[in-house]
N, C-alpha and C. Protein backbone atom coordinates (compact mmCIF):
# COMPACT_ATOMS: atom_id res chain seq x y z
N UNK A 1 300.40 20.45 116.21
CA UNK A 1 300.61 21.28 115.03
C UNK A 1 299.29 21.70 114.40
N UNK A 2 298.35 20.75 114.34
CA UNK A 2 297.09 21.08 113.69
C UNK A 2 296.28 22.11 114.48
N UNK A 3 296.45 22.11 115.82
CA UNK A 3 295.75 23.12 116.62
C UNK A 3 296.25 24.52 116.28
N UNK A 4 297.53 24.65 116.01
CA UNK A 4 298.09 25.95 115.65
C UNK A 4 297.51 26.44 114.32
N UNK A 5 297.33 25.53 113.39
CA UNK A 5 296.72 25.89 112.10
C UNK A 5 295.27 26.31 112.29
N UNK A 6 294.55 25.58 113.13
CA UNK A 6 293.15 25.91 113.39
C UNK A 6 293.03 27.28 114.05
N UNK A 7 293.88 27.56 115.03
CA UNK A 7 293.84 28.86 115.70
C UNK A 7 294.22 29.97 114.71
N UNK A 8 295.17 29.68 113.82
CA UNK A 8 295.53 30.67 112.80
C UNK A 8 294.35 30.98 111.89
N UNK A 9 293.61 29.94 111.48
CA UNK A 9 292.42 30.16 110.66
C UNK A 9 291.34 30.91 111.42
N UNK A 10 291.23 30.63 112.71
CA UNK A 10 290.28 31.36 113.55
C UNK A 10 290.64 32.84 113.60
N UNK A 11 291.93 33.14 113.75
CA UNK A 11 292.37 34.54 113.80
C UNK A 11 292.05 35.25 112.49
N UNK A 12 292.25 34.57 111.37
CA UNK A 12 291.93 35.17 110.07
C UNK A 12 290.43 35.42 109.95
N UNK A 13 289.62 34.47 110.38
CA UNK A 13 288.18 34.65 110.27
C UNK A 13 287.67 35.75 111.21
N UNK A 14 288.27 35.87 112.39
CA UNK A 14 287.88 36.95 113.31
C UNK A 14 288.28 38.30 112.72
N UNK A 15 289.45 38.37 112.11
CA UNK A 15 289.88 39.63 111.48
C UNK A 15 288.93 40.01 110.34
N UNK A 16 288.50 39.03 109.56
CA UNK A 16 287.55 39.31 108.48
C UNK A 16 286.21 39.76 109.04
N UNK A 17 285.79 39.13 110.13
CA UNK A 17 284.53 39.53 110.77
C UNK A 17 284.61 40.96 111.28
N UNK A 18 285.76 41.31 111.85
CA UNK A 18 285.95 42.68 112.34
C UNK A 18 285.88 43.67 111.17
N UNK A 19 286.50 43.32 110.05
CA UNK A 19 286.49 44.22 108.89
C UNK A 19 285.07 44.45 108.39
N UNK A 20 284.29 43.37 108.30
CA UNK A 20 282.91 43.51 107.85
C UNK A 20 282.05 44.25 108.87
N UNK A 21 282.28 43.98 110.16
CA UNK A 21 281.49 44.63 111.20
C UNK A 21 281.80 46.12 111.27
N UNK A 22 283.05 46.49 111.03
CA UNK A 22 283.38 47.92 111.05
C UNK A 22 282.66 48.67 109.95
N UNK A 23 282.45 48.01 108.82
CA UNK A 23 281.71 48.67 107.74
C UNK A 23 280.23 48.80 108.07
N UNK A 24 279.69 47.79 108.75
CA UNK A 24 278.26 47.80 109.09
C UNK A 24 277.98 48.72 110.27
N UNK A 25 278.73 48.53 111.35
CA UNK A 25 278.53 49.33 112.55
C UNK A 25 279.85 49.36 113.32
N UNK A 26 280.40 50.53 113.47
CA UNK A 26 281.74 50.67 114.05
C UNK A 26 281.82 50.10 115.47
N UNK A 27 280.79 50.30 116.26
CA UNK A 27 280.82 49.80 117.64
C UNK A 27 280.94 48.28 117.66
N UNK A 28 280.20 47.61 116.80
CA UNK A 28 280.26 46.15 116.74
C UNK A 28 281.67 45.68 116.37
N UNK A 29 282.29 46.35 115.43
CA UNK A 29 283.65 45.99 115.04
C UNK A 29 284.64 46.16 116.16
N UNK A 30 284.54 47.28 116.86
CA UNK A 30 285.48 47.54 117.95
C UNK A 30 285.26 46.60 119.13
N UNK A 31 284.04 46.13 119.31
CA UNK A 31 283.79 45.18 120.40
C UNK A 31 284.39 43.81 120.12
N UNK A 32 284.72 43.52 118.87
CA UNK A 32 285.35 42.25 118.52
C UNK A 32 286.87 42.28 118.65
N UNK A 33 287.45 43.45 118.80
CA UNK A 33 288.91 43.57 118.87
C UNK A 33 289.50 42.83 120.08
N UNK A 34 288.91 42.90 121.28
CA UNK A 34 289.48 42.12 122.40
C UNK A 34 289.45 40.61 122.12
N UNK A 35 288.44 40.13 121.43
CA UNK A 35 288.40 38.71 121.07
C UNK A 35 289.54 38.36 120.13
N UNK A 36 289.83 39.23 119.19
CA UNK A 36 290.96 39.01 118.29
C UNK A 36 292.27 39.00 119.06
N UNK A 37 292.39 39.89 120.03
CA UNK A 37 293.60 39.92 120.86
C UNK A 37 293.74 38.62 121.65
N UNK A 38 292.65 38.12 122.19
CA UNK A 38 292.69 36.88 122.95
C UNK A 38 293.06 35.70 122.05
N UNK A 39 292.51 35.63 120.86
CA UNK A 39 292.82 34.55 119.93
C UNK A 39 294.30 34.63 119.53
N UNK A 40 294.81 35.83 119.33
CA UNK A 40 296.22 35.99 118.98
C UNK A 40 297.12 35.55 120.14
N UNK A 41 296.72 35.86 121.35
CA UNK A 41 297.48 35.44 122.53
C UNK A 41 297.46 33.91 122.65
N UNK A 42 296.30 33.31 122.42
CA UNK A 42 296.20 31.85 122.47
C UNK A 42 297.07 31.20 121.40
N UNK A 43 297.13 31.84 120.23
CA UNK A 43 297.98 31.31 119.16
C UNK A 43 299.45 31.38 119.56
N UNK A 44 299.85 32.44 120.21
CA UNK A 44 301.23 32.58 120.68
C UNK A 44 301.55 31.54 121.75
N UNK A 45 300.64 31.33 122.69
CA UNK A 45 300.84 30.31 123.70
C UNK A 45 300.96 28.92 123.08
N UNK A 46 300.10 28.63 122.13
CA UNK A 46 300.12 27.34 121.46
C UNK A 46 301.44 27.13 120.73
N UNK A 47 301.92 28.17 120.05
CA UNK A 47 303.20 28.06 119.33
C UNK A 47 304.35 27.86 120.31
N UNK A 48 304.29 28.53 121.46
CA UNK A 48 305.33 28.36 122.48
C UNK A 48 305.35 26.95 123.04
N UNK A 49 304.19 26.41 123.32
CA UNK A 49 304.11 25.05 123.83
C UNK A 49 304.59 24.07 122.77
N UNK A 50 304.24 24.31 121.54
CA UNK A 50 304.70 23.44 120.45
C UNK A 50 306.22 23.48 120.32
N UNK A 51 306.81 24.65 120.49
CA UNK A 51 308.26 24.80 120.38
C UNK A 51 308.99 24.11 121.54
N UNK A 52 308.38 24.13 122.72
CA UNK A 52 309.02 23.54 123.89
C UNK A 52 308.87 22.02 123.96
N UNK A 53 307.87 21.48 123.27
CA UNK A 53 307.62 20.04 123.29
C UNK A 53 307.75 19.48 121.87
N UNK A 54 308.97 19.12 121.49
CA UNK A 54 309.16 18.64 120.11
C UNK A 54 308.53 17.31 119.83
C-alpha cells in the first residue's frame, strides 16, 4: 500500500516539474511527458497487483 502512495506522490511531483519546465523551456517540459506516462503506468500496475493480492 505504501508503495502506491509513494508512486502517487512521484506522479504529482513529475507533473509539477513538467508544469515548471514548460514555462522555462517548452522542449524540456515535453521531454518529461514520457517519464510521466511511465510513472502513471507503474502506478496502475502497482494498484493492480495490490488488488489481486489482498
